[in-house]
Amino acid sequence: MVLLSGELPEVLTDEALAELLDLAAAILDAEELVLFHTCLRTLRRNGMRAGRRIEIDGAVLTVYEG
């Protein structure tokens, strides 16, 4: 489980995506990082609203607002 804290961007820009990947790179191995990037691209395409949940190759990514 990975929990990233902070403001949820309205739009996942290239810059915001790079920031998230940099944060995740500190704790994920190369294979996990590729999967995380795939999840973020899916969120970028389909929206990052709170409560959004996606599953890719057994990995679940949920966006929470708190």
C-alpha atoms as a PDB file:
ATOM      1  CA  MET A   1       0.000   0.000   0.000  1.00  0.00           C
ATOM      2  CA  VAL A   2       1.254   3.439  -0.925  1.00  0.00           C
ATOM      3  CA  LEU A   3      -0.319   6.587   0.473  1.00  0.00           C
ATOM      4  CA  LEU A   4       0.623   9.900  -1.085  1.00  0.00           C
ATOM      5  CA  SER A   5      -0.627  12.949   0.730  1.00  0.00           C
ATOM      6  CA  GLY A   6      -1.268  16.421  -0.611  1.00  0.00           C
ATOM      7  CA  GLU A   7      -3.571  18.502  -2.705  1.00  0.00           C
ATOM      8  CA  LEU A   8      -5.375  16.656  -5.446  1.00  0.00           C
ATOM      9  CA  PRO A   9      -4.733  18.493  -8.711  1.00  0.00           C
ATOM     10  CA  GLU A  10      -7.783  19.357 -10.779  1.00  0.00           C
ATOM     11  CA  VAL A  11      -5.939  18.228 -13.885  1.00  0.00           C
ATOM     12  CA  LEU A  12      -3.080  15.755 -13.923  1.00  0.00           C
ATOM     13  CA  THR A  13      -0.637  17.758 -16.038  1.00  0.00           C
ATOM     14  CA  ASP A  14       2.715  16.447 -17.237  1.00  0.00           C
ATOM     15  CA  GLU A  15       4.348  18.367 -14.377  1.00  0.00           C
ATOM     16  CA  ALA A  16       1.960  16.951 -11.739  1.00  0.00           C
ATOM     17  CA  LEU A  17       2.426  13.452 -13.151  1.00  0.00           C
ATOM     18  CA  ALA A  18       6.221  13.809 -12.966  1.00  0.00           C
ATOM     19  CA  GLU A  19       5.974  15.005  -9.335  1.00  0.00           C
ATOM     20  CA  LEU A  20       3.863  11.999  -8.344  1.00  0.00           C
ATOM     21  CA  LEU A  21       6.225   9.611 -10.090  1.00  0.00           C
ATOM     22  CA  ASP A  22       9.231  11.206  -8.362  1.00  0.00           C
ATOM     23  CA  LEU A  23       7.570  10.735  -4.971  1.00  0.00           C
ATOM     24  CA  ALA A  24       6.618   7.155  -5.740  1.00  0.00           C
ATOM     25  CA  ALA A  25      10.104   6.315  -7.053  1.00  0.00           C
ATOM     26  CA  ALA A  26      11.455   6.698  -3.525  1.00  0.00           C
ATOM     27  CA  ILE A  27       9.461   3.692  -2.309  1.00  0.00           C
ATOM     28  CA  LEU A  28       8.519   1.567  -5.323  1.00  0.00           C
ATOM     29  CA  ASP A  29      10.714  -0.821  -7.271  1.00  0.00           C
ATOM     30  CA  ALA A  30      10.999  -0.507 -11.051  1.00  0.00           C
ATOM     31  CA  GLU A  31       8.140  -2.917 -11.823  1.00  0.00           C
ATOM     32  CA  GLU A  32       5.810  -1.273  -9.293  1.00  0.00           C
ATOM     33  CA  LEU A  33       6.689   2.155 -10.647  1.00  0.00           C
ATOM     34  CA  VAL A  34       5.693   1.133 -14.180  1.00  0.00           C
ATOM     35  CA  LEU A  35       2.366  -0.162 -12.845  1.00  0.00           C
ATOM     36  CA  PHE A  36       1.818   3.034 -10.837  1.00  0.00           C
ATOM     37  CA  HIS A  37       2.525   5.114 -13.957  1.00  0.00           C
ATOM     38  CA  THR A  38      -0.036   3.064 -15.895  1.00  0.00           C
ATOM     39  CA  CYS A  39      -2.604   3.708 -13.152  1.00  0.00           C
ATOM     40  CA  LEU A  40      -1.890   7.442 -13.213  1.00  0.00           C
ATOM     41  CA  ARG A  41      -2.238   7.588 -16.992  1.00  0.00           C
ATOM     42  CA  THR A  42      -5.631   5.893 -16.675  1.00  0.00           C
ATOM     43  CA  LEU A  43      -6.696   8.405 -14.029  1.00  0.00           C
ATOM     44  CA  ARG A  44      -5.463  11.233 -16.221  1.00  0.00           C
ATOM     45  CA  ARG A  45      -7.566   9.994 -19.117  1.00  0.00           C
ATOM     46  CA  ASN A  46     -10.706   9.219 -17.089  1.00  0.00           C
ATOM     47  CA  GLY A  47     -10.655  11.882 -14.340  1.00  0.00           C
ATOM     48  CA  MET A  48      -9.218  12.202 -10.840  1.00  0.00           C
ATOM     49  CA  ARG A  49     -12.373  12.802  -8.855  1.00  0.00           C
ATOM     50  CA  ALA A  50     -12.398  11.735  -5.200  1.00  0.00           C
ATOM     51  CA  GLY A  51     -13.618   8.186  -4.729  1.00  0.00           C
ATOM     52  CA  ARG A  52     -12.262   7.128  -8.112  1.00  0.00           C
ATOM     53  CA  ARG A  53     -10.983   3.535  -8.054  1.00  0.00           C
ATOM     54  CA  ILE A  54      -9.205   1.699 -10.833  1.00  0.00           C
ATOM     55  CA  GLU A  55      -7.669  -1.752 -11.021  1.00  0.00           C
ATOM     56  CA  ILE A  56      -4.911  -2.729 -13.434  1.00  0.00           C
ATOM     57  CA  ASP A  57      -3.131  -6.087 -13.360  1.00  0.00           C
ATOM     58  CA  GLY A  58      -4.265  -6.720  -9.790  1.00  0.00           C
ATOM     59  CA  ALA A  59      -3.107  -3.329  -8.485  1.00  0.00           C
ATOM     60  CA  VAL A  60      -5.802  -1.037  -7.126  1.00  0.00           C
ATOM     61  CA  LEU A  61      -5.423   2.735  -7.058  1.00  0.00           C
ATOM     62  CA  THR A  62      -8.021   4.744  -5.162  1.00  0.00           C
ATOM     63  CA  VAL A  63      -8.216   8.528  -4.957  1.00  0.00           C
ATOM     64  CA  TYR A  64      -9.357   9.781  -1.562  1.00  0.00           C
ATOM     65  CA  GLU A  65     -10.210  13.283  -0.481  1.00  0.00           C
ATOM     66  CA  GLY A  66      -9.769  14.117   3.160  1.00  0.00           C
END
